[in-house]
């Protein structure tokens, strides 16, 4: 990740960015936080929440890092719930981000894209995402004891903080819907039109 290059661009006065998430199947939301923080943006995740089922499968599959999660564990309960505070997006550099999406933008990539709508610091250009803003994720791989088959299971339900983005939507809809192949050119034209 070129965080240093982004920080240098912002320090040189750059305010317009394109984040291309077309074909991105996801990974880790913290990557998006680091990218946006490098632009000077803060509190980008909105007021969403995380619901995580605590089971033997989850605990055994997570290993050591589970105990370092920044969420409280409710002992004796099946679930833990963690809300994220959202005092509002800080944007001291007046940055604007156009995020490119397509129908392969999924999971964490979709969440990273959704933050621009919820935070009001950019737009989404391209095609709808593959999954909804409120969705399951945080996959863990388990091995069946007798067959040895390995398959993924979801351990977390993510709730997006922006009700206008999340409720009743099966996908994340772009602000400017265009064919994904044309999204970059449309984003360039849009950013050139900004003051």
C-alpha atoms as a PDB file:
ATOM      1  CA  UNK A   1       0.000   0.000   0.000  1.00  0.00           C
ATOM      2  CA  UNK A   2       1.344   3.407  -0.964  1.00  0.00           C
ATOM      3  CA  UNK A   3       0.279   5.334   2.146  1.00  0.00           C
ATOM      4  CA  UNK A   4       3.412   7.484   2.019  1.00  0.00           C
ATOM      5  CA  UNK A   5       2.702   8.453  -1.592  1.00  0.00           C
ATOM      6  CA  UNK A   6      -0.863   9.454  -0.681  1.00  0.00           C
ATOM      7  CA  UNK A   7       0.320  11.499   2.287  1.00  0.00           C
ATOM      8  CA  UNK A   8       2.911  13.214   0.080  1.00  0.00           C
ATOM      9  CA  UNK A   9       0.254  13.993  -2.547  1.00  0.00           C
ATOM     10  CA  UNK A  10      -2.023  15.531   0.099  1.00  0.00           C
ATOM     11  CA  UNK A  11       0.902  17.531   1.505  1.00  0.00           C
ATOM     12  CA  UNK A  12       1.507  18.834  -2.043  1.00  0.00           C
ATOM     13  CA  UNK A  13      -2.097  20.044  -2.224  1.00  0.00           C
ATOM     14  CA  UNK A  14      -3.818  17.156  -4.007  1.00  0.00           C
ATOM     15  CA  UNK A  15      -7.497  16.919  -3.061  1.00  0.00           C
ATOM     16  CA  UNK A  16      -9.027  14.609  -5.672  1.00  0.00           C
ATOM     17  CA  UNK A  17      -8.499  10.857  -5.637  1.00  0.00           C
ATOM     18  CA  UNK A  18      -9.774   7.786  -7.459  1.00  0.00           C
ATOM     19  CA  UNK A  19      -9.953   4.508  -5.585  1.00  0.00           C
ATOM     20  CA  UNK A  20     -10.440   1.592  -7.973  1.00  0.00           C
ATOM     21  CA  UNK A  21     -12.237  -1.301  -6.284  1.00  0.00           C
ATOM     22  CA  UNK A  22     -13.465  -2.970  -9.469  1.00  0.00           C
ATOM     23  CA  UNK A  23     -12.855  -6.707  -9.306  1.00  0.00           C
ATOM     24  CA  UNK A  24     -11.845  -6.453  -5.646  1.00  0.00           C
ATOM     25  CA  UNK A  25     -13.218  -9.376  -3.634  1.00  0.00           C
ATOM     26  CA  UNK A  26     -12.400  -7.817  -0.268  1.00  0.00           C
ATOM     27  CA  UNK A  27     -10.001  -8.621   2.521  1.00  0.00           C
ATOM     28  CA  UNK A  28      -9.700  -6.320   5.521  1.00  0.00           C
ATOM     29  CA  UNK A  29     -11.569  -3.075   6.238  1.00  0.00           C
ATOM     30  CA  UNK A  30      -8.505  -1.691   7.983  1.00  0.00           C
ATOM     31  CA  UNK A  31      -6.837  -1.258   4.600  1.00  0.00           C
ATOM     32  CA  UNK A  32      -9.531   1.255   3.664  1.00  0.00           C
ATOM     33  CA  UNK A  33      -9.173   3.030   6.985  1.00  0.00           C
ATOM     34  CA  UNK A  34      -5.424   3.409   6.364  1.00  0.00           C
ATOM     35  CA  UNK A  35      -5.969   4.690   2.826  1.00  0.00           C
ATOM     36  CA  UNK A  36      -8.554   7.252   3.895  1.00  0.00           C
ATOM     37  CA  UNK A  37      -6.525   8.266   6.964  1.00  0.00           C
ATOM     38  CA  UNK A  38      -3.557   8.925   4.682  1.00  0.00           C
ATOM     39  CA  UNK A  39      -5.787  11.457   2.895  1.00  0.00           C
ATOM     40  CA  UNK A  40      -6.515  13.073   6.274  1.00  0.00           C
ATOM     41  CA  UNK A  41     -10.014  11.595   6.585  1.00  0.00           C
ATOM     42  CA  UNK A  42     -11.075  10.386  10.028  1.00  0.00           C
ATOM     43  CA  UNK A  43     -14.105   8.476  11.373  1.00  0.00           C
ATOM     44  CA  UNK A  44     -14.715   7.119   7.880  1.00  0.00           C
ATOM     45  CA  UNK A  45     -16.383   3.878   8.992  1.00  0.00           C
ATOM     46  CA  UNK A  46     -19.592   5.530  10.096  1.00  0.00           C
ATOM     47  CA  UNK A  47     -21.739   4.292  12.944  1.00  0.00           C
ATOM     48  CA  UNK A  48     -22.062   0.702  11.872  1.00  0.00           C
ATOM     49  CA  UNK A  49     -21.795  -2.298  14.079  1.00  0.00           C
ATOM     50  CA  UNK A  50     -20.386  -5.792  14.201  1.00  0.00           C
ATOM     51  CA  UNK A  51     -22.198  -8.834  15.543  1.00  0.00           C
ATOM     52  CA  UNK A  52     -19.964 -11.847  16.038  1.00  0.00           C
ATOM     53  CA  UNK A  53     -21.024 -15.308  17.111  1.00  0.00           C
ATOM     54  CA  UNK A  54     -18.844 -16.771  19.817  1.00  0.00           C
ATOM     55  CA  UNK A  55     -18.571 -20.512  19.406  1.00  0.00           C
ATOM     56  CA  UNK A  56     -15.898 -23.139  19.750  1.00  0.00           C
ATOM     57  CA  UNK A  57     -15.448 -23.075  15.971  1.00  0.00           C
ATOM     58  CA  UNK A  58     -14.843 -19.316  16.008  1.00  0.00           C
ATOM     59  CA  UNK A  59     -12.486 -19.341  18.969  1.00  0.00           C
ATOM     60  CA  UNK A  60     -10.485 -22.316  17.676  1.00  0.00           C
ATOM     61  CA  UNK A  61     -10.230 -20.878  14.167  1.00  0.00           C
ATOM     62  CA  UNK A  62      -9.145 -17.388  15.170  1.00  0.00           C
ATOM     63  CA  UNK A  63      -6.112 -18.308  17.188  1.00  0.00           C
ATOM     64  CA  UNK A  64      -4.132 -15.747  19.125  1.00  0.00           C
ATOM     65  CA  UNK A  65      -5.400 -12.620  17.393  1.00  0.00           C
ATOM     66  CA  UNK A  66      -8.948 -13.076  18.670  1.00  0.00           C
ATOM     67  CA  UNK A  67      -7.929 -11.817  22.088  1.00  0.00           C
ATOM     68  CA  UNK A  68      -6.543  -8.630  20.568  1.00  0.00           C
ATOM     69  CA  UNK A  69      -9.825  -7.553  18.951  1.00  0.00           C
ATOM     70  CA  UNK A  70     -10.983  -4.113  20.032  1.00  0.00           C
ATOM     71  CA  UNK A  71     -14.439  -5.315  20.984  1.00  0.00           C
ATOM     72  CA  UNK A  72     -15.737  -6.473  24.351  1.00  0.00           C
ATOM     73  CA  UNK A  73     -16.605 -10.104  24.878  1.00  0.00           C
ATOM     74  CA  UNK A  74     -19.843 -10.795  26.667  1.00  0.00           C
ATOM     75  CA  UNK A  75     -19.144 -13.918  28.676  1.00  0.00           C
ATOM     76  CA  UNK A  76     -21.904 -16.480  28.875  1.00  0.00           C
ATOM     77  CA  UNK A  77     -23.679 -15.126  25.773  1.00  0.00           C
ATOM     78  CA  UNK A  78     -23.788 -16.497  22.259  1.00  0.00           C
ATOM     79  CA  UNK A  79     -23.063 -13.167  20.627  1.00  0.00           C
ATOM     80  CA  UNK A  80     -20.986 -10.084  21.034  1.00  0.00           C
ATOM     81  CA  UNK A  81     -22.067  -6.761  19.662  1.00  0.00           C
ATOM     82  CA  UNK A  82     -19.872  -3.749  19.094  1.00  0.00           C
ATOM     83  CA  UNK A  83     -21.043  -0.379  17.827  1.00  0.00           C
ATOM     84  CA  UNK A  84     -18.663   2.069  16.196  1.00  0.00           C
ATOM     85  CA  UNK A  85     -18.906   5.689  17.262  1.00  0.00           C
ATOM     86  CA  UNK A  86     -19.377   8.096  14.397  1.00  0.00           C
ATOM     87  CA  UNK A  87     -18.818  11.720  15.401  1.00  0.00           C
ATOM     88  CA  UNK A  88     -18.766  12.611  11.713  1.00  0.00           C
ATOM     89  CA  UNK A  89     -16.106  12.366   9.050  1.00  0.00           C
ATOM     90  CA  UNK A  90     -13.214  14.725   9.576  1.00  0.00           C
ATOM     91  CA  UNK A  91     -11.987  16.069   6.241  1.00  0.00           C
ATOM     92  CA  UNK A  92      -9.546  18.903   6.994  1.00  0.00           C
ATOM     93  CA  UNK A  93      -7.877  18.621   3.570  1.00  0.00           C
ATOM     94  CA  UNK A  94     -11.206  18.932   1.705  1.00  0.00           C
ATOM     95  CA  UNK A  95     -10.508  15.643  -0.074  1.00  0.00           C
ATOM     96  CA  UNK A  96     -12.946  14.168  -2.594  1.00  0.00           C
ATOM     97  CA  UNK A  97     -12.730  10.470  -3.475  1.00  0.00           C
ATOM     98  CA  UNK A  98     -14.374   8.811  -6.466  1.00  0.00           C
ATOM     99  CA  UNK A  99     -14.601   5.072  -5.846  1.00  0.00           C
ATOM    100  CA  UNK A 100     -14.935   2.756  -8.845  1.00  0.00           C
ATOM    101  CA  UNK A 101     -17.048  -0.368  -8.339  1.00  0.00           C
ATOM    102  CA  UNK A 102     -18.423  -3.271 -10.355  1.00  0.00           C
ATOM    103  CA  UNK A 103     -20.387  -6.426  -9.698  1.00  0.00           C
ATOM    104  CA  UNK A 104     -17.214  -8.075  -8.391  1.00  0.00           C
ATOM    105  CA  UNK A 105     -16.739  -5.450  -5.629  1.00  0.00           C
ATOM    106  CA  UNK A 106     -17.432  -7.543  -2.564  1.00  0.00           C
ATOM    107  CA  UNK A 107     -17.116  -7.826   1.210  1.00  0.00           C
ATOM    108  CA  UNK A 108     -14.568  -5.394   2.688  1.00  0.00           C
ATOM    109  CA  UNK A 109     -14.117  -3.680  -0.670  1.00  0.00           C
ATOM    110  CA  UNK A 110     -17.849  -2.954  -0.736  1.00  0.00           C
ATOM    111  CA  UNK A 111     -17.703  -1.545   2.814  1.00  0.00           C
ATOM    112  CA  UNK A 112     -14.735   0.670   1.936  1.00  0.00           C
ATOM    113  CA  UNK A 113     -16.735   1.988  -1.026  1.00  0.00           C
ATOM    114  CA  UNK A 114     -19.865   2.528   1.081  1.00  0.00           C
ATOM    115  CA  UNK A 115     -18.039   4.843   3.466  1.00  0.00           C
ATOM    116  CA  UNK A 116     -17.827   7.595   0.840  1.00  0.00           C
ATOM    117  CA  UNK A 117     -21.617   7.707   0.584  1.00  0.00           C
ATOM    118  CA  UNK A 118     -22.157   7.547   4.330  1.00  0.00           C
ATOM    119  CA  UNK A 119     -19.407  10.043   5.025  1.00  0.00           C
ATOM    120  CA  UNK A 120     -20.226  12.427   2.209  1.00  0.00           C
ATOM    121  CA  UNK A 121     -16.603  12.817   1.089  1.00  0.00           C
ATOM    122  CA  UNK A 122     -16.930  11.333  -2.369  1.00  0.00           C
ATOM    123  CA  UNK A 123     -19.014   9.326  -4.788  1.00  0.00           C
ATOM    124  CA  UNK A 124     -19.262   5.847  -6.231  1.00  0.00           C
ATOM    125  CA  UNK A 125     -18.998   5.415  -9.989  1.00  0.00           C
ATOM    126  CA  UNK A 126     -19.608   2.185 -11.880  1.00  0.00           C
ATOM    127  CA  UNK A 127     -21.807  -0.835 -11.258  1.00  0.00           C
ATOM    128  CA  UNK A 128     -23.596  -2.103  -8.119  1.00  0.00           C
ATOM    129  CA  UNK A 129     -21.558  -4.202  -5.701  1.00  0.00           C
ATOM    130  CA  UNK A 130     -21.886  -7.965  -5.351  1.00  0.00           C
ATOM    131  CA  UNK A 131     -23.232  -7.909  -1.782  1.00  0.00           C
ATOM    132  CA  UNK A 132     -25.295  -5.650   0.464  1.00  0.00           C
ATOM    133  CA  UNK A 133     -23.993  -3.034   2.921  1.00  0.00           C
ATOM    134  CA  UNK A 134     -25.502  -5.143   5.715  1.00  0.00           C
ATOM    135  CA  UNK A 135     -23.934  -8.545   5.209  1.00  0.00           C
ATOM    136  CA  UNK A 136     -22.072 -11.497   6.642  1.00  0.00           C
ATOM    137  CA  UNK A 137     -18.310 -11.740   6.399  1.00  0.00           C
ATOM    138  CA  UNK A 138     -15.084 -12.324   8.330  1.00  0.00           C
ATOM    139  CA  UNK A 139     -14.681 -15.820   6.961  1.00  0.00           C
ATOM    140  CA  UNK A 140     -12.925 -18.592   8.834  1.00  0.00           C
ATOM    141  CA  UNK A 141     -11.882 -21.905   7.341  1.00  0.00           C
ATOM    142  CA  UNK A 142     -12.746 -25.062   9.204  1.00  0.00           C
ATOM    143  CA  UNK A 143     -11.881 -28.685   8.556  1.00  0.00           C
ATOM    144  CA  UNK A 144     -14.485 -31.390   9.042  1.00  0.00           C
ATOM    145  CA  UNK A 145     -13.119 -34.021  11.434  1.00  0.00           C
ATOM    146  CA  UNK A 146     -14.022 -37.165   9.475  1.00  0.00           C
ATOM    147  CA  UNK A 147     -13.872 -36.178   5.806  1.00  0.00           C
ATOM    148  CA  UNK A 148     -11.109 -33.593   6.127  1.00  0.00           C
ATOM    149  CA  UNK A 149     -13.046 -31.246   3.846  1.00  0.00           C
ATOM    150  CA  UNK A 150     -12.102 -27.610   4.360  1.00  0.00           C
ATOM    151  CA  UNK A 151     -14.644 -24.866   3.796  1.00  0.00           C
ATOM    152  CA  UNK A 152     -15.282 -21.257   4.879  1.00  0.00           C
ATOM    153  CA  UNK A 153     -17.921 -20.092   7.326  1.00  0.00           C
ATOM    154  CA  UNK A 154     -18.932 -16.554   8.193  1.00  0.00           C
ATOM    155  CA  UNK A 155     -18.447 -15.460  11.789  1.00  0.00           C
ATOM    156  CA  UNK A 156     -19.561 -11.835  11.631  1.00  0.00           C
ATOM    157  CA  UNK A 157     -22.550  -9.765  10.553  1.00  0.00           C
ATOM    158  CA  UNK A 158     -21.616  -6.219   9.528  1.00  0.00           C
ATOM    159  CA  UNK A 159     -24.214  -3.460   9.784  1.00  0.00           C
ATOM    160  CA  UNK A 160     -23.479  -0.307   7.848  1.00  0.00           C
ATOM    161  CA  UNK A 161     -23.834   2.934   9.788  1.00  0.00           C
ATOM    162  CA  UNK A 162     -25.691   4.894   7.115  1.00  0.00           C
ATOM    163  CA  UNK A 163     -29.347   3.871   7.210  1.00  0.00           C
ATOM    164  CA  UNK A 164     -29.936   5.544   3.846  1.00  0.00           C
ATOM    165  CA  UNK A 165     -27.277   3.327   2.276  1.00  0.00           C
ATOM    166  CA  UNK A 166     -28.131   0.100   4.058  1.00  0.00           C
ATOM    167  CA  UNK A 167     -31.801  -0.471   4.624  1.00  0.00           C
ATOM    168  CA  UNK A 168     -33.633  -2.491   2.012  1.00  0.00           C
ATOM    169  CA  UNK A 169     -30.744  -2.629  -0.396  1.00  0.00           C
ATOM    170  CA  UNK A 170     -29.378  -5.854  -1.748  1.00  0.00           C
ATOM    171  CA  UNK A 171     -26.307  -4.116  -3.187  1.00  0.00           C
ATOM    172  CA  UNK A 172     -24.419  -0.865  -2.836  1.00  0.00           C
ATOM    173  CA  UNK A 173     -25.734   1.370  -5.611  1.00  0.00           C
ATOM    174  CA  UNK A 174     -23.323   3.785  -7.286  1.00  0.00           C
ATOM    175  CA  UNK A 175     -24.009   7.510  -7.334  1.00  0.00           C
ATOM    176  CA  UNK A 176     -23.156   7.526 -11.030  1.00  0.00           C
ATOM    177  CA  UNK A 177     -24.128   4.210 -12.632  1.00  0.00           C
ATOM    178  CA  UNK A 178     -22.061   3.435 -15.710  1.00  0.00           C
ATOM    179  CA  UNK A 179     -20.519   0.386 -17.343  1.00  0.00           C
ATOM    180  CA  UNK A 180     -17.538  -0.618 -15.199  1.00  0.00           C
ATOM    181  CA  UNK A 181     -15.226  -0.416 -18.201  1.00  0.00           C
ATOM    182  CA  UNK A 182     -16.060   3.301 -18.517  1.00  0.00           C
ATOM    183  CA  UNK A 183     -15.906   4.129 -14.798  1.00  0.00           C
ATOM    184  CA  UNK A 184     -12.362   5.517 -14.773  1.00  0.00           C
ATOM    185  CA  UNK A 185     -12.997   7.914 -17.664  1.00  0.00           C
ATOM    186  CA  UNK A 186     -16.255   9.064 -16.085  1.00  0.00           C
ATOM    187  CA  UNK A 187     -14.481   9.613 -12.757  1.00  0.00           C
ATOM    188  CA  UNK A 188     -11.752  11.672 -14.420  1.00  0.00           C
ATOM    189  CA  UNK A 189     -14.344  13.819 -16.163  1.00  0.00           C
ATOM    190  CA  UNK A 190     -16.283  14.259 -12.912  1.00  0.00           C
ATOM    191  CA  UNK A 191     -13.199  15.226 -10.897  1.00  0.00           C
ATOM    192  CA  UNK A 192     -12.120  17.736 -13.584  1.00  0.00           C
ATOM    193  CA  UNK A 193     -15.542  19.395 -13.231  1.00  0.00           C
ATOM    194  CA  UNK A 194     -15.046  20.006  -9.500  1.00  0.00           C
ATOM    195  CA  UNK A 195     -13.695  23.410  -8.402  1.00  0.00           C
END
